[in-house]
């Protein structure tokens, strides 16, 4: 899952928000130096990722990507699932998206100086430029994915993956709506942190 989904599964406090994103920035290396609350958030991050990566519907969704892009289908799905979460936000969260984003951005900034340097850079860009606004549209998702393709350190054919998403948009949306409520149930069942989440 990508940044918005991980923040969705965080508790409404700064340490949980920090931990639930830290898994994308070398979390295990930094965890021993951090508070218990941050470490629990990090464990929650890994719980979400393990369930996502092993889910049959998510694995099968990779077949919707062309052979030259399938190697990076997991990355594309992570970002695309944030788009679908935004699209169906009212089904999964009672707090309006705009209010949720501003609350999350403020909580992330509380721990900014304790974050690894690359995480500081990403969080600063995310909060100042409202990255999730870009994720609201399919064009924004395409732009984000092409930027990721440019940052891959070897020659690849990931660029243009939005073409595959356009072609199978409704099928991929259906995958998300099957998978995400099961992810919520999984997180609620393990209760690594305490707050439960709403499912449809």
N, C-alpha and C. Protein backbone atom coordinates (compact mmCIF):
# COMPACT_ATOMS: atom_id res chain seq x y z
N UNK A 1 0.83 -1.19 0.00
CA UNK A 1 0.00 0.00 0.00
C UNK A 1 0.88 1.25 0.00
N UNK A 2 0.29 2.36 -0.43
CA UNK A 2 1.05 3.59 -0.53
C UNK A 2 0.76 4.51 0.66
N UNK A 3 1.26 5.73 0.61
CA UNK A 3 1.28 6.61 1.78
C UNK A 3 -0.09 6.88 2.37
N UNK A 4 -1.09 7.20 1.55
CA UNK A 4 -2.40 7.55 2.11
C UNK A 4 -3.01 6.37 2.86
N UNK A 5 -2.92 5.18 2.30
CA UNK A 5 -3.48 4.01 2.97
C UNK A 5 -2.79 3.76 4.30
N UNK A 6 -1.47 3.92 4.34
CA UNK A 6 -0.76 3.72 5.60
C UNK A 6 -1.16 4.77 6.63
N UNK A 7 -1.40 5.99 6.20
CA UNK A 7 -1.87 7.01 7.14
C UNK A 7 -3.30 6.72 7.59
N UNK A 8 -4.10 6.18 6.70
CA UNK A 8 -5.47 5.78 7.06
C UNK A 8 -5.43 4.79 8.22
N UNK A 9 -4.47 3.86 8.21
CA UNK A 9 -4.40 2.84 9.24
C UNK A 9 -3.62 3.28 10.48
N UNK A 10 -3.18 4.52 10.51
CA UNK A 10 -2.49 5.05 11.70
C UNK A 10 -3.51 5.52 12.73
N UNK A 11 -3.07 5.56 13.98
CA UNK A 11 -3.86 6.16 15.04
C UNK A 11 -3.76 7.69 14.94
N UNK A 12 -4.69 8.41 15.55
CA UNK A 12 -4.70 9.88 15.41
C UNK A 12 -3.70 10.56 16.35
N UNK A 13 -2.43 10.16 16.25
CA UNK A 13 -1.38 10.83 17.02
C UNK A 13 -0.09 10.84 16.19
N UNK A 14 0.83 11.69 16.58
CA UNK A 14 2.04 11.93 15.78
C UNK A 14 2.95 10.70 15.70
N UNK A 15 3.13 10.00 16.82
CA UNK A 15 4.04 8.85 16.80
C UNK A 15 3.52 7.73 15.91
N UNK A 16 2.21 7.49 15.94
CA UNK A 16 1.63 6.46 15.08
C UNK A 16 1.77 6.82 13.62
N UNK A 17 1.54 8.07 13.28
CA UNK A 17 1.69 8.51 11.89
C UNK A 17 3.14 8.33 11.43
N UNK A 18 4.07 8.69 12.29
CA UNK A 18 5.49 8.51 11.99
C UNK A 18 5.78 7.03 11.72
N UNK A 19 5.37 6.17 12.63
CA UNK A 19 5.66 4.74 12.50
C UNK A 19 5.00 4.10 11.30
N UNK A 20 3.77 4.50 11.00
CA UNK A 20 3.05 3.88 9.90
C UNK A 20 3.58 4.27 8.53
N UNK A 21 4.39 5.33 8.47
CA UNK A 21 5.08 5.66 7.21
C UNK A 21 6.53 5.21 7.20
N UNK A 22 7.10 5.02 8.37
CA UNK A 22 8.53 4.75 8.48
C UNK A 22 8.95 3.47 7.75
N UNK A 23 8.02 2.53 7.59
CA UNK A 23 8.35 1.28 6.91
C UNK A 23 8.82 1.46 5.49
N UNK A 24 8.49 2.57 4.87
CA UNK A 24 8.96 2.85 3.50
C UNK A 24 10.31 3.55 3.47
N UNK A 25 10.89 3.76 4.66
CA UNK A 25 12.15 4.52 4.74
C UNK A 25 13.14 3.83 5.68
N UNK A 26 13.33 2.53 5.48
CA UNK A 26 14.30 1.79 6.28
C UNK A 26 13.91 1.65 7.73
N UNK A 27 12.65 1.39 7.97
CA UNK A 27 12.10 1.40 9.32
C UNK A 27 12.84 0.59 10.35
N UNK A 28 13.19 -0.64 10.04
CA UNK A 28 13.80 -1.53 11.03
C UNK A 28 15.16 -1.02 11.50
N UNK A 29 15.85 -0.31 10.65
CA UNK A 29 17.16 0.24 11.03
C UNK A 29 17.00 1.29 12.12
N UNK A 30 15.95 2.09 12.03
CA UNK A 30 15.76 3.21 12.93
C UNK A 30 14.92 2.88 14.17
N UNK A 31 14.14 1.79 14.11
CA UNK A 31 13.16 1.49 15.15
C UNK A 31 13.72 1.42 16.56
N UNK A 32 14.90 0.79 16.80
CA UNK A 32 15.37 0.66 18.18
C UNK A 32 15.58 2.00 18.90
N UNK A 33 15.76 3.07 18.15
CA UNK A 33 16.01 4.38 18.75
C UNK A 33 14.74 5.17 19.00
N UNK A 34 13.59 4.60 18.64
CA UNK A 34 12.35 5.34 18.66
C UNK A 34 11.40 4.85 19.76
N UNK A 35 10.37 5.62 20.01
CA UNK A 35 9.44 5.30 21.09
C UNK A 35 8.65 4.03 20.78
N UNK A 36 8.08 3.46 21.81
CA UNK A 36 7.24 2.26 21.63
C UNK A 36 6.08 2.54 20.69
N UNK A 37 5.48 3.71 20.79
CA UNK A 37 4.35 4.05 19.93
C UNK A 37 4.75 4.09 18.46
N UNK A 38 5.94 4.62 18.17
CA UNK A 38 6.43 4.64 16.79
C UNK A 38 6.70 3.21 16.32
N UNK A 39 7.28 2.40 17.18
CA UNK A 39 7.57 1.01 16.82
C UNK A 39 6.29 0.22 16.54
N UNK A 40 5.24 0.47 17.30
CA UNK A 40 3.97 -0.21 17.05
C UNK A 40 3.37 0.24 15.72
N UNK A 41 3.51 1.53 15.42
CA UNK A 41 3.06 2.01 14.11
C UNK A 41 3.82 1.34 12.98
N UNK A 42 5.11 1.15 13.18
CA UNK A 42 5.94 0.48 12.17
C UNK A 42 5.49 -0.98 12.00
N UNK A 43 5.22 -1.67 13.11
CA UNK A 43 4.71 -3.04 13.02
C UNK A 43 3.40 -3.09 12.24
N UNK A 44 2.56 -2.08 12.46
CA UNK A 44 1.29 -2.01 11.74
C UNK A 44 1.52 -1.83 10.25
N UNK A 45 2.50 -1.01 9.90
CA UNK A 45 2.87 -0.82 8.49
C UNK A 45 3.22 -2.15 7.85
N UNK A 46 4.06 -2.92 8.50
CA UNK A 46 4.49 -4.20 7.94
C UNK A 46 3.34 -5.20 7.87
N UNK A 47 2.44 -5.15 8.84
CA UNK A 47 1.25 -6.00 8.81
C UNK A 47 0.43 -5.71 7.55
N UNK A 48 0.21 -4.45 7.27
CA UNK A 48 -0.55 -4.03 6.09
C UNK A 48 0.15 -4.49 4.81
N UNK A 49 1.45 -4.30 4.74
CA UNK A 49 2.19 -4.67 3.53
C UNK A 49 2.20 -6.18 3.30
N UNK A 50 2.39 -6.95 4.37
CA UNK A 50 2.41 -8.41 4.22
C UNK A 50 1.07 -8.93 3.72
N UNK A 51 0.00 -8.42 4.28
CA UNK A 51 -1.33 -8.86 3.85
C UNK A 51 -1.59 -8.48 2.40
N UNK A 52 -1.22 -7.27 2.04
CA UNK A 52 -1.42 -6.79 0.67
C UNK A 52 -0.64 -7.64 -0.32
N UNK A 53 0.62 -7.86 -0.03
CA UNK A 53 1.49 -8.59 -0.96
C UNK A 53 1.07 -10.05 -1.14
N UNK A 54 0.43 -10.62 -0.12
CA UNK A 54 0.06 -12.04 -0.19
C UNK A 54 -1.38 -12.26 -0.63
N UNK A 55 -2.15 -11.19 -0.80
CA UNK A 55 -3.57 -11.34 -1.13
C UNK A 55 -3.75 -11.82 -2.57
N UNK A 56 -4.55 -12.84 -2.75
CA UNK A 56 -4.72 -13.44 -4.06
C UNK A 56 -5.25 -12.45 -5.09
N UNK A 57 -6.22 -11.63 -4.71
CA UNK A 57 -6.79 -10.67 -5.67
C UNK A 57 -5.75 -9.66 -6.11
N UNK A 58 -4.87 -9.25 -5.21
CA UNK A 58 -3.82 -8.30 -5.56
C UNK A 58 -2.80 -8.96 -6.49
N UNK A 59 -2.44 -10.20 -6.19
CA UNK A 59 -1.52 -10.93 -7.07
C UNK A 59 -2.11 -11.07 -8.46
N UNK A 60 -3.39 -11.42 -8.53
CA UNK A 60 -4.04 -11.62 -9.83
C UNK A 60 -4.19 -10.31 -10.59
N UNK A 61 -4.31 -9.19 -9.86
CA UNK A 61 -4.47 -7.89 -10.51
C UNK A 61 -3.26 -7.51 -11.34
N UNK A 62 -2.11 -8.07 -11.03
CA UNK A 62 -0.90 -7.74 -11.78
C UNK A 62 -1.00 -8.20 -13.23
N UNK A 63 -1.89 -9.14 -13.51
CA UNK A 63 -2.02 -9.62 -14.89
C UNK A 63 -2.66 -8.57 -15.80
N UNK A 64 -3.24 -7.54 -15.21
CA UNK A 64 -3.83 -6.47 -16.02
C UNK A 64 -2.77 -5.54 -16.60
N UNK A 65 -1.52 -5.72 -16.21
CA UNK A 65 -0.44 -4.89 -16.74
C UNK A 65 0.29 -5.65 -17.84
N UNK A 66 0.73 -4.92 -18.85
CA UNK A 66 1.42 -5.53 -19.98
C UNK A 66 2.71 -6.18 -19.51
N UNK A 67 3.19 -7.12 -20.29
CA UNK A 67 4.34 -7.93 -19.87
C UNK A 67 5.58 -7.08 -19.57
N UNK A 68 5.77 -6.01 -20.33
CA UNK A 68 6.97 -5.19 -20.11
C UNK A 68 6.86 -4.36 -18.84
N UNK A 69 5.65 -4.21 -18.31
CA UNK A 69 5.48 -3.40 -17.10
C UNK A 69 5.14 -4.24 -15.87
N UNK A 70 4.91 -5.52 -16.07
CA UNK A 70 4.42 -6.36 -14.97
C UNK A 70 5.40 -6.43 -13.81
N UNK A 71 6.67 -6.31 -14.12
CA UNK A 71 7.68 -6.34 -13.06
C UNK A 71 7.42 -5.27 -12.01
N UNK A 72 6.83 -4.15 -12.44
CA UNK A 72 6.60 -3.02 -11.54
C UNK A 72 5.11 -2.87 -11.18
N UNK A 73 4.33 -3.89 -11.46
CA UNK A 73 2.88 -3.80 -11.23
C UNK A 73 2.56 -3.56 -9.77
N UNK A 74 3.35 -4.13 -8.87
CA UNK A 74 3.10 -3.93 -7.44
C UNK A 74 3.21 -2.46 -7.06
N UNK A 75 4.20 -1.77 -7.62
CA UNK A 75 4.35 -0.33 -7.36
C UNK A 75 3.15 0.43 -7.90
N UNK A 76 2.75 0.09 -9.12
CA UNK A 76 1.61 0.77 -9.73
C UNK A 76 0.34 0.56 -8.91
N UNK A 77 0.13 -0.65 -8.43
CA UNK A 77 -1.06 -0.95 -7.64
C UNK A 77 -1.05 -0.19 -6.31
N UNK A 78 0.11 -0.08 -5.69
CA UNK A 78 0.20 0.67 -4.43
C UNK A 78 -0.32 2.09 -4.62
N UNK A 79 0.15 2.76 -5.66
CA UNK A 79 -0.26 4.14 -5.91
C UNK A 79 -1.72 4.19 -6.35
N UNK A 80 -2.11 3.28 -7.22
CA UNK A 80 -3.49 3.26 -7.71
C UNK A 80 -4.48 3.01 -6.58
N UNK A 81 -4.12 2.16 -5.63
CA UNK A 81 -5.04 1.89 -4.52
C UNK A 81 -5.27 3.14 -3.67
N UNK A 82 -4.29 4.03 -3.59
CA UNK A 82 -4.54 5.32 -2.93
C UNK A 82 -5.60 6.11 -3.69
N UNK A 83 -5.55 6.06 -5.01
CA UNK A 83 -6.56 6.72 -5.83
C UNK A 83 -7.95 6.14 -5.56
N UNK A 84 -8.05 4.83 -5.51
CA UNK A 84 -9.34 4.21 -5.25
C UNK A 84 -9.81 4.48 -3.82
N UNK A 85 -8.88 4.54 -2.87
CA UNK A 85 -9.26 4.89 -1.50
C UNK A 85 -9.86 6.29 -1.47
N UNK A 86 -9.26 7.22 -2.20
CA UNK A 86 -9.82 8.57 -2.29
C UNK A 86 -11.20 8.53 -2.94
N UNK A 87 -11.32 7.78 -4.01
CA UNK A 87 -12.58 7.71 -4.74
C UNK A 87 -13.71 7.17 -3.86
N UNK A 88 -13.39 6.23 -2.99
CA UNK A 88 -14.41 5.60 -2.14
C UNK A 88 -14.27 6.03 -0.68
N UNK A 89 -13.64 7.16 -0.46
CA UNK A 89 -13.29 7.58 0.90
C UNK A 89 -14.47 7.55 1.86
N UNK A 90 -15.61 8.08 1.45
CA UNK A 90 -16.77 8.18 2.35
C UNK A 90 -17.26 6.82 2.82
N UNK A 91 -16.94 5.77 2.08
CA UNK A 91 -17.34 4.42 2.48
C UNK A 91 -16.47 3.87 3.61
N UNK A 92 -15.28 4.43 3.76
CA UNK A 92 -14.31 3.87 4.70
C UNK A 92 -13.95 4.79 5.85
N UNK A 93 -14.31 6.06 5.77
CA UNK A 93 -13.92 7.00 6.83
C UNK A 93 -14.99 8.07 7.00
N UNK A 94 -15.35 8.31 8.24
CA UNK A 94 -16.37 9.32 8.52
C UNK A 94 -15.80 10.74 8.48
N UNK A 95 -14.50 10.88 8.66
CA UNK A 95 -13.86 12.19 8.59
C UNK A 95 -13.69 12.59 7.13
N UNK A 96 -14.16 13.76 6.72
CA UNK A 96 -13.96 14.19 5.32
C UNK A 96 -12.49 14.15 4.94
N UNK A 97 -12.22 13.82 3.68
CA UNK A 97 -10.85 13.64 3.23
C UNK A 97 -10.00 14.88 3.46
N UNK A 98 -10.54 16.05 3.14
CA UNK A 98 -9.76 17.28 3.32
C UNK A 98 -9.31 17.47 4.76
N UNK A 99 -10.22 17.22 5.69
CA UNK A 99 -9.88 17.35 7.11
C UNK A 99 -8.88 16.29 7.53
N UNK A 100 -9.06 15.06 7.03
CA UNK A 100 -8.14 13.97 7.35
C UNK A 100 -6.73 14.32 6.88
N UNK A 101 -6.60 14.82 5.66
CA UNK A 101 -5.29 15.15 5.13
C UNK A 101 -4.60 16.22 5.97
N UNK A 102 -5.32 17.26 6.30
CA UNK A 102 -4.70 18.34 7.06
C UNK A 102 -4.28 17.88 8.44
N UNK A 103 -5.11 17.04 9.08
CA UNK A 103 -4.75 16.49 10.39
C UNK A 103 -3.50 15.63 10.27
N UNK A 104 -3.45 14.77 9.24
CA UNK A 104 -2.31 13.87 9.07
C UNK A 104 -1.04 14.64 8.76
N UNK A 105 -1.14 15.65 7.91
CA UNK A 105 0.03 16.45 7.58
C UNK A 105 0.59 17.13 8.84
N UNK A 106 -0.31 17.67 9.67
CA UNK A 106 0.14 18.33 10.89
C UNK A 106 0.81 17.34 11.84
N UNK A 107 0.25 16.14 11.96
CA UNK A 107 0.82 15.13 12.86
C UNK A 107 2.19 14.67 12.35
N UNK A 108 2.33 14.48 11.05
CA UNK A 108 3.62 14.08 10.50
C UNK A 108 4.69 15.14 10.78
N UNK A 109 4.32 16.39 10.65
CA UNK A 109 5.29 17.47 10.84
C UNK A 109 5.76 17.59 12.29
N UNK A 110 4.99 17.05 13.23
CA UNK A 110 5.41 17.10 14.63
C UNK A 110 6.69 16.32 14.87
N UNK A 111 6.90 15.25 14.11
CA UNK A 111 8.09 14.41 14.29
C UNK A 111 9.10 14.56 13.16
N UNK A 112 8.98 15.61 12.39
CA UNK A 112 9.80 15.75 11.19
C UNK A 112 11.30 15.66 11.49
N UNK A 113 11.74 16.29 12.55
CA UNK A 113 13.18 16.33 12.83
C UNK A 113 13.73 14.98 13.28
N UNK A 114 12.85 14.07 13.71
CA UNK A 114 13.29 12.73 14.14
C UNK A 114 13.32 11.73 12.99
N UNK A 115 12.84 12.11 11.84
CA UNK A 115 12.73 11.19 10.71
C UNK A 115 14.06 11.05 9.99
N UNK A 116 14.30 9.89 9.35
CA UNK A 116 15.47 9.78 8.46
C UNK A 116 15.43 10.87 7.40
N UNK A 117 16.59 11.26 6.90
CA UNK A 117 16.67 12.43 6.02
C UNK A 117 15.80 12.30 4.78
N UNK A 118 15.77 11.13 4.14
CA UNK A 118 14.96 10.97 2.94
C UNK A 118 13.48 11.05 3.28
N UNK A 119 13.10 10.55 4.46
CA UNK A 119 11.70 10.65 4.89
C UNK A 119 11.33 12.10 5.17
N UNK A 120 12.27 12.86 5.77
CA UNK A 120 12.02 14.29 5.99
C UNK A 120 11.71 14.99 4.67
N UNK A 121 12.51 14.67 3.64
CA UNK A 121 12.33 15.30 2.34
C UNK A 121 10.97 14.94 1.74
N UNK A 122 10.62 13.65 1.78
CA UNK A 122 9.35 13.20 1.21
C UNK A 122 8.17 13.80 1.97
N UNK A 123 8.22 13.76 3.29
CA UNK A 123 7.11 14.28 4.09
C UNK A 123 6.96 15.78 3.88
N UNK A 124 8.07 16.49 3.79
CA UNK A 124 8.00 17.93 3.54
C UNK A 124 7.34 18.21 2.20
N UNK A 125 7.76 17.49 1.16
CA UNK A 125 7.15 17.67 -0.17
C UNK A 125 5.67 17.27 -0.15
N UNK A 126 5.37 16.18 0.52
CA UNK A 126 4.00 15.69 0.59
C UNK A 126 3.08 16.70 1.25
N UNK A 127 3.51 17.23 2.39
CA UNK A 127 2.63 18.11 3.16
C UNK A 127 2.55 19.51 2.56
N UNK A 128 3.63 19.99 1.99
CA UNK A 128 3.61 21.33 1.41
C UNK A 128 2.90 21.38 0.08
N UNK A 129 2.94 20.27 -0.67
CA UNK A 129 2.37 20.25 -2.02
C UNK A 129 1.10 19.42 -2.13
N UNK A 130 0.64 18.87 -1.01
CA UNK A 130 -0.60 18.07 -0.96
C UNK A 130 -0.60 17.01 -2.06
N UNK A 131 0.33 16.06 -1.94
CA UNK A 131 0.45 15.01 -2.95
C UNK A 131 -0.86 14.28 -3.18
N UNK A 132 -1.67 14.12 -2.15
CA UNK A 132 -2.87 13.31 -2.31
C UNK A 132 -3.92 13.99 -3.18
N UNK A 133 -3.81 15.30 -3.35
CA UNK A 133 -4.67 16.00 -4.30
C UNK A 133 -4.42 15.48 -5.70
N UNK A 134 -3.15 15.23 -6.01
CA UNK A 134 -2.78 14.69 -7.32
C UNK A 134 -3.38 13.31 -7.54
N UNK A 135 -3.50 12.53 -6.47
CA UNK A 135 -3.99 11.17 -6.58
C UNK A 135 -5.50 11.10 -6.83
N UNK A 136 -6.18 12.21 -6.77
CA UNK A 136 -7.63 12.20 -6.97
C UNK A 136 -8.01 11.88 -8.40
N UNK A 137 -7.14 12.21 -9.35
CA UNK A 137 -7.47 12.00 -10.77
C UNK A 137 -6.59 10.93 -11.38
N UNK A 138 -7.08 10.30 -12.42
CA UNK A 138 -6.31 9.27 -13.11
C UNK A 138 -5.11 9.89 -13.81
N UNK A 139 -5.25 11.14 -14.24
CA UNK A 139 -4.11 11.83 -14.85
C UNK A 139 -3.02 12.07 -13.81
N UNK A 140 -3.42 12.41 -12.60
CA UNK A 140 -2.46 12.61 -11.53
C UNK A 140 -1.72 11.33 -11.18
N UNK A 141 -2.44 10.22 -11.20
CA UNK A 141 -1.81 8.92 -10.94
C UNK A 141 -0.78 8.62 -12.02
N UNK A 142 -1.13 8.88 -13.27
CA UNK A 142 -0.20 8.65 -14.37
C UNK A 142 1.05 9.49 -14.22
N UNK A 143 0.90 10.74 -13.82
CA UNK A 143 2.04 11.62 -13.60
C UNK A 143 2.92 11.09 -12.48
N UNK A 144 2.31 10.65 -11.38
CA UNK A 144 3.07 10.12 -10.25
C UNK A 144 3.84 8.86 -10.63
N UNK A 145 3.20 7.98 -11.38
CA UNK A 145 3.86 6.74 -11.78
C UNK A 145 5.01 6.99 -12.75
N UNK A 146 4.83 7.93 -13.66
CA UNK A 146 5.93 8.25 -14.58
C UNK A 146 7.11 8.86 -13.84
N UNK A 147 6.84 9.63 -12.78
CA UNK A 147 7.93 10.17 -11.97
C UNK A 147 8.69 9.05 -11.25
N UNK A 148 7.95 8.05 -10.79
CA UNK A 148 8.60 6.90 -10.16
C UNK A 148 9.48 6.19 -11.18
N UNK A 149 8.97 6.00 -12.40
CA UNK A 149 9.74 5.34 -13.46
C UNK A 149 11.06 6.06 -13.72
N UNK A 150 11.05 7.38 -13.66
CA UNK A 150 12.26 8.16 -13.91
C UNK A 150 13.29 7.96 -12.79
N UNK A 151 12.80 7.64 -11.58
CA UNK A 151 13.72 7.50 -10.45
C UNK A 151 14.31 6.10 -10.33
N UNK A 152 13.79 5.15 -11.09
CA UNK A 152 14.35 3.80 -11.08
C UNK A 152 15.74 3.85 -11.69
N UNK A 153 16.71 3.21 -11.03
CA UNK A 153 18.11 3.43 -11.37
C UNK A 153 18.61 2.61 -12.55
N UNK A 154 17.72 1.93 -13.23
CA UNK A 154 18.15 1.18 -14.41
C UNK A 154 17.11 1.36 -15.51
N UNK A 155 17.48 1.06 -16.73
CA UNK A 155 16.57 1.20 -17.86
C UNK A 155 15.34 0.33 -17.65
N UNK A 156 14.17 0.91 -17.89
CA UNK A 156 12.93 0.17 -17.65
C UNK A 156 11.85 0.65 -18.60
N UNK A 157 10.76 -0.10 -18.63
CA UNK A 157 9.62 0.24 -19.49
C UNK A 157 8.37 0.51 -18.65
N UNK A 158 8.60 0.98 -17.42
CA UNK A 158 7.49 1.26 -16.51
C UNK A 158 6.71 2.50 -16.91
N UNK A 159 7.39 3.44 -17.54
CA UNK A 159 6.74 4.68 -17.97
C UNK A 159 5.55 4.36 -18.87
N UNK A 160 4.47 5.12 -18.69
CA UNK A 160 3.27 4.89 -19.49
C UNK A 160 2.35 3.84 -18.92
N UNK A 161 2.59 3.40 -17.69
CA UNK A 161 1.76 2.35 -17.10
C UNK A 161 0.31 2.77 -16.94
N UNK A 162 0.05 4.06 -17.00
CA UNK A 162 -1.34 4.53 -16.90
C UNK A 162 -2.17 3.99 -18.07
N UNK A 163 -1.52 3.63 -19.17
CA UNK A 163 -2.25 3.05 -20.31
C UNK A 163 -2.91 1.73 -19.89
N UNK A 164 -2.18 0.90 -19.16
CA UNK A 164 -2.74 -0.36 -18.67
C UNK A 164 -3.86 -0.11 -17.67
N UNK A 165 -3.67 0.90 -16.83
CA UNK A 165 -4.69 1.23 -15.83
C UNK A 165 -5.96 1.72 -16.52
N UNK A 166 -5.82 2.59 -17.52
CA UNK A 166 -6.99 3.05 -18.27
C UNK A 166 -7.74 1.87 -18.87
N UNK A 167 -7.00 0.94 -19.41
CA UNK A 167 -7.60 -0.19 -20.11
C UNK A 167 -8.38 -1.10 -19.16
N UNK A 168 -7.96 -1.18 -17.92
CA UNK A 168 -8.58 -2.12 -16.97
C UNK A 168 -9.04 -1.41 -15.70
N UNK A 169 -9.41 -0.15 -15.83
CA UNK A 169 -9.73 0.67 -14.66
C UNK A 169 -10.83 0.05 -13.81
N UNK A 170 -11.92 -0.36 -14.43
CA UNK A 170 -13.07 -0.87 -13.68
C UNK A 170 -12.75 -2.20 -13.01
N UNK A 171 -11.99 -3.04 -13.69
CA UNK A 171 -11.59 -4.31 -13.08
C UNK A 171 -10.68 -4.07 -11.87
N UNK A 172 -9.78 -3.11 -11.99
CA UNK A 172 -8.87 -2.81 -10.88
C UNK A 172 -9.61 -2.17 -9.71
N UNK A 173 -10.59 -1.35 -10.01
CA UNK A 173 -11.44 -0.77 -8.97
C UNK A 173 -12.17 -1.89 -8.21
N UNK A 174 -12.66 -2.87 -8.94
CA UNK A 174 -13.36 -4.00 -8.31
C UNK A 174 -12.41 -4.80 -7.42
N UNK A 175 -11.16 -4.95 -7.85
CA UNK A 175 -10.16 -5.63 -7.02
C UNK A 175 -9.99 -4.88 -5.70
N UNK A 176 -9.86 -3.56 -5.78
CA UNK A 176 -9.69 -2.76 -4.56
C UNK A 176 -10.88 -2.94 -3.63
N UNK A 177 -12.08 -2.90 -4.16
CA UNK A 177 -13.27 -3.00 -3.31
C UNK A 177 -13.45 -4.39 -2.72
N UNK A 178 -12.85 -5.38 -3.32
CA UNK A 178 -12.82 -6.72 -2.73
C UNK A 178 -11.77 -6.82 -1.65
N UNK A 179 -10.61 -6.29 -1.96
CA UNK A 179 -9.44 -6.45 -1.10
C UNK A 179 -9.46 -5.55 0.13
N UNK A 180 -9.80 -4.27 -0.02
CA UNK A 180 -9.59 -3.31 1.06
C UNK A 180 -10.43 -3.62 2.31
N UNK A 181 -11.68 -3.98 2.17
CA UNK A 181 -12.42 -4.36 3.40
C UNK A 181 -11.79 -5.55 4.12
N UNK A 182 -11.20 -6.46 3.38
CA UNK A 182 -10.52 -7.60 4.02
C UNK A 182 -9.25 -7.14 4.73
N UNK A 183 -8.58 -6.16 4.16
CA UNK A 183 -7.41 -5.59 4.83
C UNK A 183 -7.82 -4.91 6.13
N UNK A 184 -8.90 -4.16 6.09
CA UNK A 184 -9.40 -3.52 7.31
C UNK A 184 -9.71 -4.56 8.38
N UNK A 185 -10.37 -5.63 8.00
CA UNK A 185 -10.69 -6.69 8.95
C UNK A 185 -9.41 -7.29 9.54
N UNK A 186 -8.40 -7.47 8.70
CA UNK A 186 -7.13 -8.04 9.14
C UNK A 186 -6.44 -7.13 10.16
N UNK A 187 -6.42 -5.83 9.88
CA UNK A 187 -5.80 -4.87 10.80
C UNK A 187 -6.59 -4.82 12.11
N UNK A 188 -7.90 -4.80 12.02
CA UNK A 188 -8.72 -4.78 13.23
C UNK A 188 -8.52 -6.04 14.07
N UNK A 189 -8.39 -7.17 13.41
CA UNK A 189 -8.21 -8.45 14.11
C UNK A 189 -6.91 -8.47 14.90
N UNK A 190 -5.83 -7.99 14.32
CA UNK A 190 -4.53 -8.03 14.98
C UNK A 190 -4.37 -6.91 16.00
N UNK A 191 -5.02 -5.79 15.77
CA UNK A 191 -5.06 -4.69 16.75
C UNK A 191 -3.68 -4.38 17.33
N UNK A 192 -2.68 -4.24 16.48
CA UNK A 192 -1.34 -3.88 16.93
C UNK A 192 -1.39 -2.52 17.63
N UNK A 193 -2.15 -1.62 17.04
CA UNK A 193 -2.50 -0.37 17.71
C UNK A 193 -3.96 -0.57 18.15
N UNK A 194 -4.64 0.45 18.60
CA UNK A 194 -5.91 0.18 19.27
C UNK A 194 -7.16 0.54 18.50
N UNK A 195 -7.13 1.59 17.67
CA UNK A 195 -8.35 2.07 17.03
C UNK A 195 -8.81 1.08 15.95
N UNK A 196 -10.10 0.80 15.89
CA UNK A 196 -10.66 -0.03 14.82
C UNK A 196 -11.07 0.85 13.65
N UNK A 197 -11.22 0.22 12.49
CA UNK A 197 -11.50 0.95 11.27
C UNK A 197 -12.80 0.48 10.65
N UNK A 198 -13.39 1.36 9.91
CA UNK A 198 -14.71 1.12 9.33
C UNK A 198 -14.58 0.33 8.03
N UNK A 199 -15.45 -0.66 7.85
CA UNK A 199 -15.46 -1.41 6.61
C UNK A 199 -16.86 -1.35 6.01
N UNK A 200 -16.94 -1.58 4.69
CA UNK A 200 -18.25 -1.57 4.03
C UNK A 200 -18.79 -2.99 3.97
